[in-house]
Amino acid sequence: MISIDDFVKVEMRVGLVTEAVNKEGSEKLIKLTVSFGEESRIIFTGVRGFGYTPEYFLNKKFLFVTNLEYRKMMDEESQGMILAVGEDKPIFVSAENLPVGAKVR
């Protein structure tokens, strides 16, 4: 269990995937370039093994955690995390009707 004070530290925002490519040298990773309005970030997701392709993400809006410490993924840094649900194949949280950059409250 975490306190509400811990939970409010997690920053979740709507991001638009403006570019998506398979990460060269990896069988799992897809590299997403995500716009949050005033800034863009690189965020990796390891879901190719579930049948996801870069085209699935391109030009779509999803929810992302944006204040995680950056994590090294092969030779680059992932600057956030895309939100998904499910124990088996992840299902990504769509944000199609929400404004880019909006914060989840």
N, C-alpha and C. Protein backbone atom coordinates (compact mmCIF):
# COMPACT_ATOMS: atom_id res chain seq x y z
N MET A 1 0.84 -1.18 0.00
CA MET A 1 0.00 0.00 0.00
C MET A 1 0.89 1.25 0.00
N ILE A 2 0.43 2.24 -0.75
CA ILE A 2 1.11 3.53 -0.72
C ILE A 2 0.12 4.58 -0.24
N SER A 3 0.65 5.65 0.26
CA SER A 3 -0.22 6.73 0.73
C SER A 3 -0.65 7.59 -0.45
N ILE A 4 -1.67 8.38 -0.24
CA ILE A 4 -2.12 9.33 -1.26
C ILE A 4 -1.00 10.33 -1.57
N ASP A 5 -0.18 10.63 -0.58
CA ASP A 5 0.95 11.54 -0.80
C ASP A 5 1.95 10.94 -1.79
N ASP A 6 2.15 9.62 -1.71
CA ASP A 6 3.03 8.95 -2.68
C ASP A 6 2.39 8.92 -4.06
N PHE A 7 1.11 8.61 -4.11
CA PHE A 7 0.42 8.50 -5.39
C PHE A 7 0.42 9.81 -6.16
N VAL A 8 0.21 10.92 -5.48
CA VAL A 8 0.15 12.21 -6.18
C VAL A 8 1.50 12.62 -6.77
N LYS A 9 2.56 11.94 -6.38
CA LYS A 9 3.88 12.21 -6.96
C LYS A 9 4.00 11.66 -8.39
N VAL A 10 3.15 10.69 -8.75
CA VAL A 10 3.21 10.09 -10.08
C VAL A 10 2.54 11.04 -11.08
N GLU A 11 3.29 11.46 -12.08
CA GLU A 11 2.76 12.36 -13.09
C GLU A 11 2.38 11.55 -14.32
N MET A 12 1.08 11.58 -14.66
CA MET A 12 0.57 10.90 -15.85
C MET A 12 0.02 11.95 -16.80
N ARG A 13 0.43 11.83 -18.07
CA ARG A 13 0.02 12.83 -19.06
C ARG A 13 -0.38 12.15 -20.36
N VAL A 14 -1.16 12.88 -21.14
CA VAL A 14 -1.56 12.42 -22.48
C VAL A 14 -0.42 12.76 -23.45
N GLY A 15 -0.01 11.73 -24.20
CA GLY A 15 1.03 11.95 -25.20
C GLY A 15 0.59 11.44 -26.56
N LEU A 16 1.05 12.12 -27.62
CA LEU A 16 0.78 11.74 -29.00
C LEU A 16 2.04 11.12 -29.58
N VAL A 17 1.93 9.89 -30.06
CA VAL A 17 3.08 9.21 -30.67
C VAL A 17 3.26 9.77 -32.08
N THR A 18 4.37 10.48 -32.30
CA THR A 18 4.63 11.12 -33.58
C THR A 18 5.57 10.29 -34.45
N GLU A 19 6.27 9.36 -33.84
CA GLU A 19 7.16 8.46 -34.57
C GLU A 19 7.25 7.16 -33.79
N ALA A 20 7.28 6.03 -34.51
CA ALA A 20 7.41 4.72 -33.87
C ALA A 20 8.20 3.82 -34.80
N VAL A 21 9.28 3.24 -34.26
CA VAL A 21 10.13 2.35 -35.06
C VAL A 21 10.60 1.19 -34.19
N ASN A 22 10.85 0.06 -34.84
CA ASN A 22 11.47 -1.05 -34.12
C ASN A 22 12.88 -0.65 -33.75
N LYS A 23 13.29 -0.98 -32.53
CA LYS A 23 14.65 -0.67 -32.07
C LYS A 23 15.61 -1.66 -32.70
N GLU A 24 16.54 -1.14 -33.48
CA GLU A 24 17.53 -1.98 -34.14
C GLU A 24 18.32 -2.77 -33.11
N GLY A 25 18.46 -4.06 -33.34
CA GLY A 25 19.22 -4.93 -32.44
C GLY A 25 18.38 -5.56 -31.34
N SER A 26 17.09 -5.24 -31.29
CA SER A 26 16.20 -5.79 -30.27
C SER A 26 15.04 -6.51 -30.94
N GLU A 27 14.63 -7.62 -30.35
CA GLU A 27 13.46 -8.34 -30.84
C GLU A 27 12.19 -7.92 -30.10
N LYS A 28 12.32 -7.13 -29.04
CA LYS A 28 11.18 -6.75 -28.20
C LYS A 28 10.81 -5.28 -28.27
N LEU A 29 11.80 -4.41 -28.38
CA LEU A 29 11.57 -2.98 -28.17
C LEU A 29 11.04 -2.24 -29.39
N ILE A 30 10.08 -1.34 -29.11
CA ILE A 30 9.63 -0.34 -30.08
C ILE A 30 9.97 1.02 -29.47
N LYS A 31 10.61 1.85 -30.28
CA LYS A 31 11.00 3.19 -29.85
C LYS A 31 9.92 4.17 -30.28
N LEU A 32 9.34 4.84 -29.30
CA LEU A 32 8.28 5.82 -29.54
C LEU A 32 8.83 7.23 -29.33
N THR A 33 8.56 8.13 -30.25
CA THR A 33 8.77 9.55 -30.02
C THR A 33 7.40 10.11 -29.69
N VAL A 34 7.30 10.71 -28.50
CA VAL A 34 6.00 11.11 -27.96
C VAL A 34 5.99 12.61 -27.70
N SER A 35 4.98 13.28 -28.26
CA SER A 35 4.80 14.71 -28.02
C SER A 35 3.87 14.90 -26.83
N PHE A 36 4.29 15.77 -25.92
CA PHE A 36 3.45 16.17 -24.79
C PHE A 36 3.07 17.64 -24.92
N GLY A 37 3.10 18.14 -26.12
CA GLY A 37 2.78 19.54 -26.38
C GLY A 37 4.04 20.37 -26.47
N GLU A 38 4.52 20.85 -25.33
CA GLU A 38 5.70 21.71 -25.31
C GLU A 38 7.02 20.96 -25.42
N GLU A 39 6.99 19.63 -25.28
CA GLU A 39 8.21 18.83 -25.39
C GLU A 39 7.90 17.47 -25.98
N SER A 40 8.95 16.85 -26.52
CA SER A 40 8.87 15.47 -26.99
C SER A 40 9.87 14.63 -26.24
N ARG A 41 9.55 13.35 -26.08
CA ARG A 41 10.44 12.42 -25.39
C ARG A 41 10.51 11.10 -26.14
N ILE A 42 11.59 10.38 -25.89
CA ILE A 42 11.75 9.02 -26.40
C ILE A 42 11.32 8.07 -25.29
N ILE A 43 10.39 7.17 -25.62
CA ILE A 43 9.91 6.18 -24.66
C ILE A 43 9.89 4.83 -25.34
N PHE A 44 10.51 3.85 -24.72
CA PHE A 44 10.56 2.50 -25.26
C PHE A 44 9.48 1.64 -24.64
N THR A 45 8.93 0.73 -25.43
CA THR A 45 8.02 -0.28 -24.93
C THR A 45 8.44 -1.64 -25.49
N GLY A 46 8.49 -2.63 -24.63
CA GLY A 46 8.97 -3.96 -25.02
C GLY A 46 7.83 -4.91 -25.34
N VAL A 47 7.09 -4.62 -26.41
CA VAL A 47 5.87 -5.39 -26.67
C VAL A 47 5.81 -6.05 -28.04
N ARG A 48 6.91 -6.08 -28.76
CA ARG A 48 6.88 -6.73 -30.08
C ARG A 48 6.54 -8.21 -29.96
N GLY A 49 6.94 -8.85 -28.86
CA GLY A 49 6.64 -10.26 -28.65
C GLY A 49 5.16 -10.55 -28.51
N PHE A 50 4.36 -9.53 -28.27
CA PHE A 50 2.91 -9.68 -28.16
C PHE A 50 2.20 -9.39 -29.48
N GLY A 51 2.96 -9.13 -30.52
CA GLY A 51 2.39 -8.87 -31.84
C GLY A 51 2.20 -7.40 -32.18
N TYR A 52 2.62 -6.51 -31.30
CA TYR A 52 2.50 -5.08 -31.60
C TYR A 52 3.57 -4.65 -32.59
N THR A 53 3.19 -3.73 -33.46
CA THR A 53 4.10 -3.16 -34.44
C THR A 53 4.14 -1.64 -34.24
N PRO A 54 5.15 -0.98 -34.79
CA PRO A 54 5.20 0.47 -34.67
C PRO A 54 3.94 1.15 -35.22
N GLU A 55 3.36 0.60 -36.27
CA GLU A 55 2.18 1.21 -36.89
C GLU A 55 1.00 1.27 -35.92
N TYR A 56 0.92 0.35 -34.99
CA TYR A 56 -0.17 0.35 -34.02
C TYR A 56 -0.17 1.66 -33.20
N PHE A 57 1.01 2.17 -32.87
CA PHE A 57 1.15 3.33 -31.99
C PHE A 57 1.13 4.66 -32.72
N LEU A 58 1.54 4.66 -33.97
CA LEU A 58 1.77 5.90 -34.71
C LEU A 58 0.52 6.76 -34.82
N ASN A 59 0.69 8.05 -34.50
CA ASN A 59 -0.37 9.07 -34.58
C ASN A 59 -1.56 8.79 -33.66
N LYS A 60 -1.32 8.09 -32.56
CA LYS A 60 -2.36 7.83 -31.57
C LYS A 60 -1.95 8.43 -30.24
N LYS A 61 -2.97 8.72 -29.40
CA LYS A 61 -2.72 9.28 -28.08
C LYS A 61 -2.93 8.20 -27.01
N PHE A 62 -2.00 8.18 -26.05
CA PHE A 62 -2.03 7.24 -24.94
C PHE A 62 -1.68 7.96 -23.65
N LEU A 63 -1.85 7.28 -22.54
CA LEU A 63 -1.42 7.81 -21.24
C LEU A 63 -0.01 7.32 -20.94
N PHE A 64 0.80 8.22 -20.38
CA PHE A 64 2.20 7.94 -20.06
C PHE A 64 2.52 8.44 -18.66
N VAL A 65 3.42 7.73 -17.99
CA VAL A 65 4.02 8.24 -16.76
C VAL A 65 5.25 9.02 -17.22
N THR A 66 5.33 10.29 -16.79
CA THR A 66 6.38 11.16 -17.33
C THR A 66 7.42 11.60 -16.32
N ASN A 67 7.30 11.19 -15.06
CA ASN A 67 8.31 11.64 -14.10
C ASN A 67 9.09 10.48 -13.48
N LEU A 68 9.23 9.40 -14.23
CA LEU A 68 10.11 8.31 -13.79
C LEU A 68 11.55 8.70 -14.08
N GLU A 69 12.47 8.14 -13.30
CA GLU A 69 13.88 8.30 -13.65
C GLU A 69 14.11 7.66 -15.00
N TYR A 70 14.93 8.29 -15.83
CA TYR A 70 15.23 7.74 -17.14
C TYR A 70 15.91 6.39 -16.97
N ARG A 71 15.61 5.48 -17.90
CA ARG A 71 16.16 4.12 -17.82
C ARG A 71 16.87 3.78 -19.12
N LYS A 72 18.08 3.27 -18.99
CA LYS A 72 18.88 2.89 -20.16
C LYS A 72 18.26 1.66 -20.82
N MET A 73 17.98 1.76 -22.10
CA MET A 73 17.44 0.66 -22.90
C MET A 73 18.38 0.49 -24.08
N MET A 74 19.22 -0.54 -23.99
CA MET A 74 20.28 -0.76 -24.96
C MET A 74 21.19 0.48 -24.94
N ASP A 75 21.28 1.23 -26.02
CA ASP A 75 22.20 2.36 -26.07
C ASP A 75 21.51 3.72 -25.94
N GLU A 76 20.23 3.73 -25.53
CA GLU A 76 19.49 4.97 -25.40
C GLU A 76 18.74 4.99 -24.07
N GLU A 77 18.16 6.15 -23.74
CA GLU A 77 17.38 6.27 -22.52
C GLU A 77 15.90 6.32 -22.84
N SER A 78 15.12 5.61 -22.05
CA SER A 78 13.68 5.72 -22.10
C SER A 78 13.29 6.78 -21.09
N GLN A 79 12.50 7.75 -21.53
CA GLN A 79 12.21 8.93 -20.72
C GLN A 79 10.78 8.93 -20.20
N GLY A 80 10.25 7.75 -19.91
CA GLY A 80 8.90 7.62 -19.38
C GLY A 80 8.40 6.21 -19.58
N MET A 81 7.09 6.02 -19.38
CA MET A 81 6.49 4.71 -19.54
C MET A 81 5.06 4.85 -20.05
N ILE A 82 4.72 4.06 -21.05
CA ILE A 82 3.36 4.03 -21.55
C ILE A 82 2.53 3.14 -20.62
N LEU A 83 1.30 3.53 -20.33
CA LEU A 83 0.45 2.75 -19.44
C LEU A 83 -0.29 1.67 -20.21
N ALA A 84 -0.38 0.50 -19.60
CA ALA A 84 -1.09 -0.63 -20.18
C ALA A 84 -1.75 -1.42 -19.07
N VAL A 85 -2.76 -2.19 -19.43
CA VAL A 85 -3.43 -3.07 -18.47
C VAL A 85 -3.39 -4.49 -19.00
N GLY A 86 -3.52 -5.45 -18.09
CA GLY A 86 -3.60 -6.84 -18.49
C GLY A 86 -2.43 -7.65 -18.01
N GLU A 87 -2.71 -8.88 -17.66
CA GLU A 87 -1.68 -9.82 -17.20
C GLU A 87 -0.97 -10.49 -18.36
N ASP A 88 -1.71 -10.80 -19.42
CA ASP A 88 -1.13 -11.49 -20.56
C ASP A 88 -0.68 -10.47 -21.60
N LYS A 89 -1.43 -10.33 -22.68
CA LYS A 89 -1.09 -9.32 -23.68
C LYS A 89 -1.50 -7.95 -23.15
N PRO A 90 -0.56 -6.99 -23.08
CA PRO A 90 -0.92 -5.66 -22.59
C PRO A 90 -1.89 -4.96 -23.53
N ILE A 91 -2.81 -4.24 -22.93
CA ILE A 91 -3.75 -3.39 -23.68
C ILE A 91 -3.45 -1.96 -23.26
N PHE A 92 -3.16 -1.12 -24.23
CA PHE A 92 -2.73 0.23 -23.94
C PHE A 92 -3.91 1.15 -23.69
N VAL A 93 -3.72 2.09 -22.77
CA VAL A 93 -4.76 3.01 -22.35
C VAL A 93 -4.85 4.15 -23.37
N SER A 94 -5.91 4.13 -24.16
CA SER A 94 -6.11 5.14 -25.18
C SER A 94 -6.52 6.47 -24.55
N ALA A 95 -6.08 7.54 -25.19
CA ALA A 95 -6.45 8.88 -24.74
C ALA A 95 -6.88 9.72 -25.94
N GLU A 96 -7.50 9.08 -26.93
CA GLU A 96 -7.82 9.73 -28.20
C GLU A 96 -8.65 11.00 -28.06
N ASN A 97 -9.54 11.07 -27.11
CA ASN A 97 -10.41 12.25 -27.00
C ASN A 97 -9.90 13.28 -26.01
N LEU A 98 -8.64 13.16 -25.59
CA LEU A 98 -8.07 14.07 -24.60
C LEU A 98 -7.01 14.95 -25.22
N PRO A 99 -6.80 16.16 -24.69
CA PRO A 99 -5.80 17.05 -25.27
C PRO A 99 -4.36 16.59 -24.96
N VAL A 100 -3.49 16.73 -25.95
CA VAL A 100 -2.07 16.38 -25.78
C VAL A 100 -1.48 17.20 -24.64
N GLY A 101 -0.76 16.54 -23.77
CA GLY A 101 -0.10 17.20 -22.65
C GLY A 101 -0.94 17.28 -21.39
N ALA A 102 -2.24 16.97 -21.48
CA ALA A 102 -3.12 17.05 -20.31
C ALA A 102 -2.62 16.11 -19.21
N LYS A 103 -2.70 16.58 -17.96
CA LYS A 103 -2.29 15.78 -16.80
C LYS A 103 -3.48 15.03 -16.23
N VAL A 104 -3.25 13.78 -15.85
CA VAL A 104 -4.26 13.01 -15.15
C VAL A 104 -4.26 13.47 -13.72
N ARG A 105 -5.43 13.74 -13.18
CA ARG A 105 -5.54 14.23 -11.80
C ARG A 105 -6.35 13.26 -10.98
